[in-house]
PDB file of N, CA and C in Angstrom:
ATOM      1  N   UNK A   1     -60.212 -63.944-279.377  1.00  0.00           N
ATOM      2  CA  UNK A   1     -58.690 -64.216-278.455  1.00  0.00           C
ATOM      3  C   UNK A   1     -57.733 -63.499-279.099  1.00  0.00           C
ATOM      4  N   UNK A   2     -56.814 -62.857-278.615  1.00  0.00           N
ATOM      5  CA  UNK A   2     -55.680 -61.821-278.864  1.00  0.00           C
ATOM      6  C   UNK A   2     -54.666 -63.222-278.903  1.00  0.00           C
ATOM      7  N   UNK A   3     -53.613 -62.971-279.507  1.00  0.00           N
ATOM      8  CA  UNK A   3     -52.248 -64.133-279.753  1.00  0.00           C
ATOM      9  C   UNK A   3     -50.965 -63.061-279.856  1.00  0.00           C
ATOM     10  N   UNK A   4     -50.309 -63.408-278.511  1.00  0.00           N
ATOM     11  CA  UNK A   4     -49.229 -62.723-278.230  1.00  0.00           C
ATOM     12  C   UNK A   4     -48.439 -62.416-279.173  1.00  0.00           C
ATOM     13  N   UNK A   5     -47.648 -61.395-279.649  1.00  0.00           N
ATOM     14  CA  UNK A   5     -46.339 -61.300-280.546  1.00  0.00           C
ATOM     15  C   UNK A   5     -44.798 -62.260-279.774  1.00  0.00           C
ATOM     16  N   UNK A   6     -44.171 -62.757-280.301  1.00  0.00           N
ATOM     17  CA  UNK A   6     -43.210 -63.465-280.288  1.00  0.00           C
ATOM     18  C   UNK A   6     -42.409 -61.983-279.859  1.00  0.00           C
ATOM     19  N   UNK A   7     -41.232 -62.046-279.463  1.00  0.00           N
ATOM     20  CA  UNK A   7     -40.437 -61.727-278.942  1.00  0.00           C
ATOM     21  C   UNK A   7     -39.643 -60.358-280.000  1.00  0.00           C
ATOM     22  N   UNK A   8     -39.189 -61.426-280.788  1.00  0.00           N
ATOM     23  CA  UNK A   8     -38.627 -61.156-281.972  1.00  0.00           C
ATOM     24  C   UNK A   8     -39.456 -60.323-283.385  1.00  0.00           C
ATOM     25  N   UNK A   9     -40.846 -60.235-283.619  1.00  0.00           N
ATOM     26  CA  UNK A   9     -41.992 -59.660-283.781  1.00  0.00           C
ATOM     27  C   UNK A   9     -42.346 -58.310-284.048  1.00  0.00           C
ATOM     28  N   UNK A  10     -41.718 -57.765-284.666  1.00  0.00           N
ATOM     29  CA  UNK A  10     -42.290 -56.021-284.494  1.00  0.00           C
ATOM     30  C   UNK A  10     -42.366 -55.608-285.678  1.00  0.00           C
ATOM     31  N   UNK A  11     -43.293 -54.528-285.243  1.00  0.00           N
ATOM     32  CA  UNK A  11     -43.963 -54.173-287.158  1.00  0.00           C
ATOM     33  C   UNK A  11     -43.979 -52.265-286.404  1.00  0.00           C
ATOM     34  N   UNK A  12     -44.792 -51.855-287.591  1.00  0.00           N
ATOM     35  CA  UNK A  12     -45.143 -50.295-287.183  1.00  0.00           C
ATOM     36  C   UNK A  12     -45.949 -49.695-288.451  1.00  0.00           C
ATOM     37  N   UNK A  13     -46.900 -49.404-287.917  1.00  0.00           N
ATOM     38  CA  UNK A  13     -48.316 -48.918-288.827  1.00  0.00           C
ATOM     39  C   UNK A  13     -47.557 -47.699-289.378  1.00  0.00           C
ATOM     40  N   UNK A  14     -47.887 -47.438-290.927  1.00  0.00           N
ATOM     41  CA  UNK A  14     -47.957 -46.855-292.084  1.00  0.00           C
ATOM     42  C   UNK A  14     -48.431 -46.123-291.905  1.00  0.00           C
ATOM     43  N   UNK A  15     -47.965 -44.360-291.911  1.00  0.00           N
ATOM     44  CA  UNK A  15     -48.277 -43.085-292.187  1.00  0.00           C
ATOM     45  C   UNK A  15     -49.858 -43.132-293.245  1.00  0.00           C
ATOM     46  N   UNK A  16     -49.490 -43.982-294.097  1.00  0.00           N
ATOM     47  CA  UNK A  16     -50.446 -44.317-294.883  1.00  0.00           C
ATOM     48  C   UNK A  16     -51.906 -44.470-294.217  1.00  0.00           C
ATOM     49  N   UNK A  17     -51.597 -45.618-293.495  1.00  0.00           N
ATOM     50  CA  UNK A  17     -52.851 -46.158-293.155  1.00  0.00           C
ATOM     51  C   UNK A  17     -53.534 -45.433-291.872  1.00  0.00           C
ATOM     52  N   UNK A  18     -52.492 -44.569-291.616  1.00  0.00           N
ATOM     53  CA  UNK A  18     -53.362 -43.744-290.517  1.00  0.00           C
ATOM     54  C   UNK A  18     -54.270 -42.941-290.935  1.00  0.00           C
ATOM     55  N   UNK A  19     -53.321 -42.533-292.038  1.00  0.00           N
ATOM     56  CA  UNK A  19     -54.003 -41.376-293.058  1.00  0.00           C
ATOM     57  C   UNK A  19     -55.859 -41.474-293.302  1.00  0.00           C
ATOM     58  N   UNK A  20     -55.701 -42.591-293.414  1.00  0.00           N
ATOM     59  CA  UNK A  20     -56.981 -43.595-294.221  1.00  0.00           C
ATOM     60  C   UNK A  20     -57.817 -44.065-293.693  1.00  0.00           C
ATOM     61  N   UNK A  21     -57.461 -43.871-291.759  1.00  0.00           N
ATOM     62  CA  UNK A  21     -58.273 -44.449-290.665  1.00  0.00           C
ATOM     63  C   UNK A  21     -59.298 -42.829-290.479  1.00  0.00           C
ATOM     64  N   UNK A  22     -60.942 -43.735-290.223  1.00  0.00           N
ATOM     65  CA  UNK A  22     -61.812 -42.950-290.655  1.00  0.00           C
ATOM     66  C   UNK A  22     -61.778 -41.877-289.014  1.00  0.00           C
ATOM     67  N   UNK A  23     -62.411 -41.012-288.499  1.00  0.00           N
ATOM     68  CA  UNK A  23     -62.465 -40.912-287.320  1.00  0.00           C
ATOM     69  C   UNK A  23     -63.587 -40.859-286.694  1.00  0.00           C
ATOM     70  N   UNK A  24     -64.017 -40.959-285.267  1.00  0.00           N
ATOM     71  CA  UNK A  24     -64.811 -41.173-284.782  1.00  0.00           C
ATOM     72  C   UNK A  24     -64.717 -40.505-283.302  1.00  0.00           C
ATOM     73  N   UNK A  25     -65.642 -39.267-283.175  1.00  0.00           N
ATOM     74  CA  UNK A  25     -65.556 -38.536-282.235  1.00  0.00           C
ATOM     75  C   UNK A  25     -66.090 -38.513-281.210  1.00  0.00           C
ATOM     76  N   UNK A  26     -67.141 -40.235-280.987  1.00  0.00           N
ATOM     77  CA  UNK A  26     -68.409 -40.098-280.000  1.00  0.00           C
ATOM     78  C   UNK A  26     -69.813 -39.601-280.116  1.00  0.00           C
ATOM     79  N   UNK A  27     -69.714 -38.672-281.157  1.00  0.00           N
ATOM     80  CA  UNK A  27     -71.285 -37.584-281.389  1.00  0.00           C
ATOM     81  C   UNK A  27     -72.443 -38.635-281.055  1.00  0.00           C
ATOM     82  N   UNK A  28     -73.405 -38.237-281.011  1.00  0.00           N
ATOM     83  CA  UNK A  28     -74.588 -38.791-281.100  1.00  0.00           C
ATOM     84  C   UNK A  28     -75.250 -38.700-282.156  1.00  0.00           C
ATOM     85  N   UNK A  29     -74.307 -37.488-283.321  1.00  0.00           N
ATOM     86  CA  UNK A  29     -74.947 -38.159-284.734  1.00  0.00           C
ATOM     87  C   UNK A  29     -74.362 -39.261-285.025  1.00  0.00           C
ATOM     88  N   UNK A  30     -73.146 -39.882-284.728  1.00  0.00           N
ATOM     89  CA  UNK A  30     -72.784 -40.722-285.640  1.00  0.00           C
ATOM     90  C   UNK A  30     -73.197 -42.108-285.516  1.00  0.00           C
ATOM     91  N   UNK A  31     -72.787 -42.899-286.446  1.00  0.00           N
ATOM     92  CA  UNK A  31     -73.115 -44.438-286.156  1.00  0.00           C
ATOM     93  C   UNK A  31     -72.074 -45.272-285.973  1.00  0.00           C
ATOM     94  N   UNK A  32     -71.553 -45.685-284.399  1.00  0.00           N
ATOM     95  CA  UNK A  32     -70.404 -46.266-284.316  1.00  0.00           C
ATOM     96  C   UNK A  32     -70.141 -47.193-285.271  1.00  0.00           C
ATOM     97  N   UNK A  33     -71.351 -48.445-285.632  1.00  0.00           N
ATOM     98  CA  UNK A  33     -71.166 -49.356-285.993  1.00  0.00           C
ATOM     99  C   UNK A  33     -70.919 -49.639-287.713  1.00  0.00           C
ATOM    100  N   UNK A  34     -71.041 -48.189-288.615  1.00  0.00           N
ATOM    101  CA  UNK A  34     -70.576 -47.813-289.398  1.00  0.00           C
ATOM    102  C   UNK A  34     -68.818 -47.460-289.571  1.00  0.00           C
ATOM    103  N   UNK A  35     -68.808 -46.672-288.038  1.00  0.00           N
ATOM    104  CA  UNK A  35     -67.500 -46.375-288.124  1.00  0.00           C
ATOM    105  C   UNK A  35     -66.611 -47.887-287.870  1.00  0.00           C
ATOM    106  N   UNK A  36     -66.752 -48.776-287.069  1.00  0.00           N
ATOM    107  CA  UNK A  36     -66.489 -49.728-286.648  1.00  0.00           C
ATOM    108  C   UNK A  36     -66.211 -50.487-287.958  1.00  0.00           C
ATOM    109  N   UNK A  37     -66.725 -50.433-289.048  1.00  0.00           N
ATOM    110  CA  UNK A  37     -66.576 -51.332-290.216  1.00  0.00           C
ATOM    111  C   UNK A  37     -65.738 -50.468-291.162  1.00  0.00           C
ATOM    112  N   UNK A  38     -65.934 -49.462-291.381  1.00  0.00           N
ATOM    113  CA  UNK A  38     -64.559 -48.918-291.940  1.00  0.00           C
ATOM    114  C   UNK A  38     -63.217 -49.106-291.535  1.00  0.00           C
ATOM    115  N   UNK A  39     -63.088 -49.293-290.209  1.00  0.00           N
ATOM    116  CA  UNK A  39     -62.808 -48.994-289.502  1.00  0.00           C
ATOM    117  C   UNK A  39     -61.132 -50.351-289.993  1.00  0.00           C
ATOM    118  N   UNK A  40     -62.699 -51.982-289.947  1.00  0.00           N
ATOM    119  CA  UNK A  40     -62.133 -52.696-290.200  1.00  0.00           C
ATOM    120  C   UNK A  40     -61.350 -53.379-292.195  1.00  0.00           C
ATOM    121  N   UNK A  41     -62.513 -52.216-292.402  1.00  0.00           N
ATOM    122  CA  UNK A  41     -61.880 -52.368-294.129  1.00  0.00           C
ATOM    123  C   UNK A  41     -61.051 -51.659-294.132  1.00  0.00           C
ATOM    124  N   UNK A  42     -60.141 -50.581-293.370  1.00  0.00           N
ATOM    125  CA  UNK A  42     -58.731 -50.416-293.405  1.00  0.00           C
ATOM    126  C   UNK A  42     -57.958 -50.878-293.174  1.00  0.00           C
ATOM    127  N   UNK A  43     -57.997 -51.293-292.044  1.00  0.00           N
ATOM    128  CA  UNK A  43     -57.282 -51.961-291.039  1.00  0.00           C
ATOM    129  C   UNK A  43     -57.318 -53.884-291.986  1.00  0.00           C
ATOM    130  N   UNK A  44     -57.969 -53.966-292.504  1.00  0.00           N
ATOM    131  CA  UNK A  44     -57.323 -54.906-292.935  1.00  0.00           C
ATOM    132  C   UNK A  44     -56.662 -55.319-294.468  1.00  0.00           C
ATOM    133  N   UNK A  45     -56.358 -53.858-294.984  1.00  0.00           N
ATOM    134  CA  UNK A  45     -56.031 -53.672-296.486  1.00  0.00           C
ATOM    135  C   UNK A  45     -54.286 -53.492-295.965  1.00  0.00           C
ATOM    136  N   UNK A  46     -53.998 -53.393-294.819  1.00  0.00           N
ATOM    137  CA  UNK A  46     -52.497 -53.171-294.307  1.00  0.00           C
ATOM    138  C   UNK A  46     -52.489 -54.503-293.442  1.00  0.00           C
ATOM    139  N   UNK A  47     -51.669 -55.551-293.693  1.00  0.00           N
ATOM    140  CA  UNK A  47     -51.396 -56.745-292.609  1.00  0.00           C
ATOM    141  C   UNK A  47     -49.868 -56.844-293.497  1.00  0.00           C
ATOM    142  N   UNK A  48     -48.801 -56.723-292.482  1.00  0.00           N
ATOM    143  CA  UNK A  48     -47.562 -56.874-292.712  1.00  0.00           C
ATOM    144  C   UNK A  48     -47.989 -58.545-292.603  1.00  0.00           C
ATOM    145  N   UNK A  49     -46.879 -59.185-293.244  1.00  0.00           N
ATOM    146  CA  UNK A  49     -46.731 -60.925-293.093  1.00  0.00           C
ATOM    147  C   UNK A  49     -46.222 -61.266-291.951  1.00  0.00           C
ATOM    148  N   UNK A  50     -46.968 -62.614-291.182  1.00  0.00           N
ATOM    149  CA  UNK A  50     -47.063 -62.664-289.838  1.00  0.00           C
ATOM    150  C   UNK A  50     -47.200 -62.066-288.963  1.00  0.00           C
ATOM    151  N   UNK A  51     -47.904 -60.976-289.176  1.00  0.00           N
ATOM    152  CA  UNK A  51     -48.705 -60.597-287.989  1.00  0.00           C
ATOM    153  C   UNK A  51     -50.244 -60.597-288.108  1.00  0.00           C
ATOM    154  N   UNK A  52     -50.295 -60.728-286.642  1.00  0.00           N
ATOM    155  CA  UNK A  52     -52.230 -61.402-286.890  1.00  0.00           C
ATOM    156  C   UNK A  52     -52.747 -59.862-287.094  1.00  0.00           C
ATOM    157  N   UNK A  53     -54.209 -59.775-287.595  1.00  0.00           N
ATOM    158  CA  UNK A  53     -54.709 -58.677-288.401  1.00  0.00           C
ATOM    159  C   UNK A  53     -55.113 -57.885-286.597  1.00  0.00           C
ATOM    160  N   UNK A  54     -55.494 -58.706-285.644  1.00  0.00           N
ATOM    161  CA  UNK A  54     -55.728 -57.647-284.648  1.00  0.00           C
ATOM    162  C   UNK A  54     -54.628 -56.988-283.669  1.00  0.00           C
ATOM    163  N   UNK A  55     -53.918 -57.634-283.917  1.00  0.00           N
ATOM    164  CA  UNK A  55     -52.373 -56.615-283.263  1.00  0.00           C
ATOM    165  C   UNK A  55     -52.455 -55.593-284.505  1.00  0.00           C
ATOM    166  N   UNK A  56     -52.988 -55.569-285.822  1.00  0.00           N
ATOM    167  CA  UNK A  56     -53.009 -54.084-286.605  1.00  0.00           C
ATOM    168  C   UNK A  56     -54.154 -53.275-286.222  1.00  0.00           C
ATOM    169  N   UNK A  57     -54.801 -53.996-285.662  1.00  0.00           N
ATOM    170  CA  UNK A  57     -56.461 -53.400-285.470  1.00  0.00           C
ATOM    171  C   UNK A  57     -55.830 -52.398-283.667  1.00  0.00           C
ATOM    172  N   UNK A  58     -54.946 -53.395-283.117  1.00  0.00           N
ATOM    173  CA  UNK A  58     -55.353 -52.773-281.020  1.00  0.00           C
ATOM    174  C   UNK A  58     -54.441 -51.775-281.951  1.00  0.00           C
ATOM    175  N   UNK A  59     -53.130 -51.559-282.652  1.00  0.00           N
ATOM    176  CA  UNK A  59     -51.937 -50.916-282.639  1.00  0.00           C
ATOM    177  C   UNK A  59     -52.921 -49.840-283.257  1.00  0.00           C
ATOM    178  N   UNK A  60     -53.478 -49.718-284.297  1.00  0.00           N
ATOM    179  CA  UNK A  60     -54.415 -48.834-284.842  1.00  0.00           C
ATOM    180  C   UNK A  60     -55.331 -47.468-283.903  1.00  0.00           C
ATOM    181  N   UNK A  61     -56.173 -48.246-283.601  1.00  0.00           N
ATOM    182  CA  UNK A  61     -57.419 -47.722-283.017  1.00  0.00           C
ATOM    183  C   UNK A  61     -57.165 -46.508-282.037  1.00  0.00           C
ATOM    184  N   UNK A  62     -55.936 -46.080-281.397  1.00  0.00           N
ATOM    185  CA  UNK A  62     -55.948 -44.589-280.787  1.00  0.00           C
ATOM    186  C   UNK A  62     -56.093 -43.806-281.899  1.00  0.00           C
ATOM    187  N   UNK A  63     -55.412 -44.065-282.960  1.00  0.00           N
ATOM    188  CA  UNK A  63     -55.359 -43.100-284.171  1.00  0.00           C
ATOM    189  C   UNK A  63     -57.058 -42.822-284.362  1.00  0.00           C
ATOM    190  N   UNK A  64     -58.131 -43.777-284.589  1.00  0.00           N
ATOM    191  CA  UNK A  64     -58.857 -44.015-284.954  1.00  0.00           C
ATOM    192  C   UNK A  64     -60.253 -42.868-284.161  1.00  0.00           C
ATOM    193  N   UNK A  65     -59.725 -42.560-283.213  1.00  0.00           N
ATOM    194  CA  UNK A  65     -60.796 -41.944-282.133  1.00  0.00           C
ATOM    195  C   UNK A  65     -60.250 -40.260-282.136  1.00  0.00           C
ATOM    196  N   UNK A  66     -61.007 -39.605-281.630  1.00  0.00           N
ATOM    197  CA  UNK A  66     -60.978 -38.104-281.835  1.00  0.00           C
ATOM    198  C   UNK A  66     -62.119 -37.648-280.667  1.00  0.00           C
ATOM    199  N   UNK A  67     -61.268 -36.538-280.278  1.00  0.00           N
ATOM    200  CA  UNK A  67     -62.197 -35.869-279.519  1.00  0.00           C
ATOM    201  C   UNK A  67     -62.869 -36.530-278.293  1.00  0.00           C
ATOM    202  N   UNK A  68     -64.253 -36.494-278.048  1.00  0.00           N
ATOM    203  CA  UNK A  68     -64.405 -37.111-276.631  1.00  0.00           C
ATOM    204  C   UNK A  68     -64.343 -38.896-276.761  1.00  0.00           C
ATOM    205  N   UNK A  69     -64.245 -39.197-277.456  1.00  0.00           N
ATOM    206  CA  UNK A  69     -64.357 -40.684-278.048  1.00  0.00           C
ATOM    207  C   UNK A  69     -62.318 -41.122-277.463  1.00  0.00           C
ATOM    208  N   UNK A  70     -62.020 -40.352-277.502  1.00  0.00           N
ATOM    209  CA  UNK A  70     -60.435 -40.243-277.576  1.00  0.00           C
ATOM    210  C   UNK A  70     -60.465 -40.178-276.120  1.00  0.00           C
ATOM    211  N   UNK A  71     -60.562 -39.260-275.554  1.00  0.00           N
ATOM    212  CA  UNK A  71     -60.959 -39.150-274.191  1.00  0.00           C
ATOM    213  C   UNK A  71     -61.328 -40.250-273.142  1.00  0.00           C
ATOM    214  N   UNK A  72     -62.457 -40.896-273.857  1.00  0.00           N
ATOM    215  CA  UNK A  72     -62.845 -41.854-273.311  1.00  0.00           C
ATOM    216  C   UNK A  72     -61.733 -43.187-273.319  1.00  0.00           C
ATOM    217  N   UNK A  73     -60.956 -43.183-274.472  1.00  0.00           N
ATOM    218  CA  UNK A  73     -60.231 -44.535-274.353  1.00  0.00           C
ATOM    219  C   UNK A  73     -58.895 -44.142-273.159  1.00  0.00           C
ATOM    220  N   UNK A  74     -58.619 -42.542-273.234  1.00  0.00           N
ATOM    221  CA  UNK A  74     -57.379 -42.406-272.101  1.00  0.00           C
ATOM    222  C   UNK A  74     -57.493 -42.768-270.634  1.00  0.00           C
ATOM    223  N   UNK A  75     -59.124 -42.873-270.401  1.00  0.00           N
ATOM    224  CA  UNK A  75     -59.412 -43.102-268.966  1.00  0.00           C
ATOM    225  C   UNK A  75     -59.639 -44.503-268.925  1.00  0.00           C
ATOM    226  N   UNK A  76     -59.769 -46.088-270.254  1.00  0.00           N
ATOM    227  CA  UNK A  76     -59.631 -46.586-269.738  1.00  0.00           C
ATOM    228  C   UNK A  76     -58.061 -47.309-268.879  1.00  0.00           C
ATOM    229  N   UNK A  77     -58.357 -48.354-268.318  1.00  0.00           N
ATOM    230  CA  UNK A  77     -57.238 -49.209-267.675  1.00  0.00           C
ATOM    231  C   UNK A  77     -55.574 -49.399-268.025  1.00  0.00           C
ATOM    232  N   UNK A  78     -55.286 -49.068-268.247  1.00  0.00           N
ATOM    233  CA  UNK A  78     -53.753 -49.265-268.491  1.00  0.00           C
ATOM    234  C   UNK A  78     -53.829 -50.596-269.548  1.00  0.00           C
ATOM    235  N   UNK A  79     -54.279 -51.737-269.513  1.00  0.00           N
ATOM    236  CA  UNK A  79     -54.125 -53.130-270.155  1.00  0.00           C
ATOM    237  C   UNK A  79     -54.636 -52.614-271.030  1.00  0.00           C
ATOM    238  N   UNK A  80     -55.880 -52.117-271.519  1.00  0.00           N
ATOM    239  CA  UNK A  80     -56.251 -51.637-272.684  1.00  0.00           C
ATOM    240  C   UNK A  80     -55.722 -50.828-273.840  1.00  0.00           C
ATOM    241  N   UNK A  81     -55.178 -50.357-273.301  1.00  0.00           N
ATOM    242  CA  UNK A  81     -54.241 -49.033-274.254  1.00  0.00           C
ATOM    243  C   UNK A  81     -53.139 -49.807-274.634  1.00  0.00           C
ATOM    244  N   UNK A  82     -53.194 -49.149-276.232  1.00  0.00           N
ATOM    245  CA  UNK A  82     -51.825 -49.885-276.448  1.00  0.00           C
ATOM    246  C   UNK A  82     -50.644 -49.249-277.223  1.00  0.00           C
TER     247      UNK A  82
END
């Protein structure tokens, strides 16, 4: 379950977090589970006070994808995009 942020709460991803994120291209040679684990580890290191960890992951997810995987993300319903 993902909890919604209150209107008064806001945050931005730090560029250093974005640079640390592994890139997943959706290639057959890639292990998606390994990439997700690495994504989780990086996102876990950056958690501003009072911001749920799921919100960090939702905001960072588009930066984790590239190539065909990012194309897939953009084809998803708007509610999925962050």
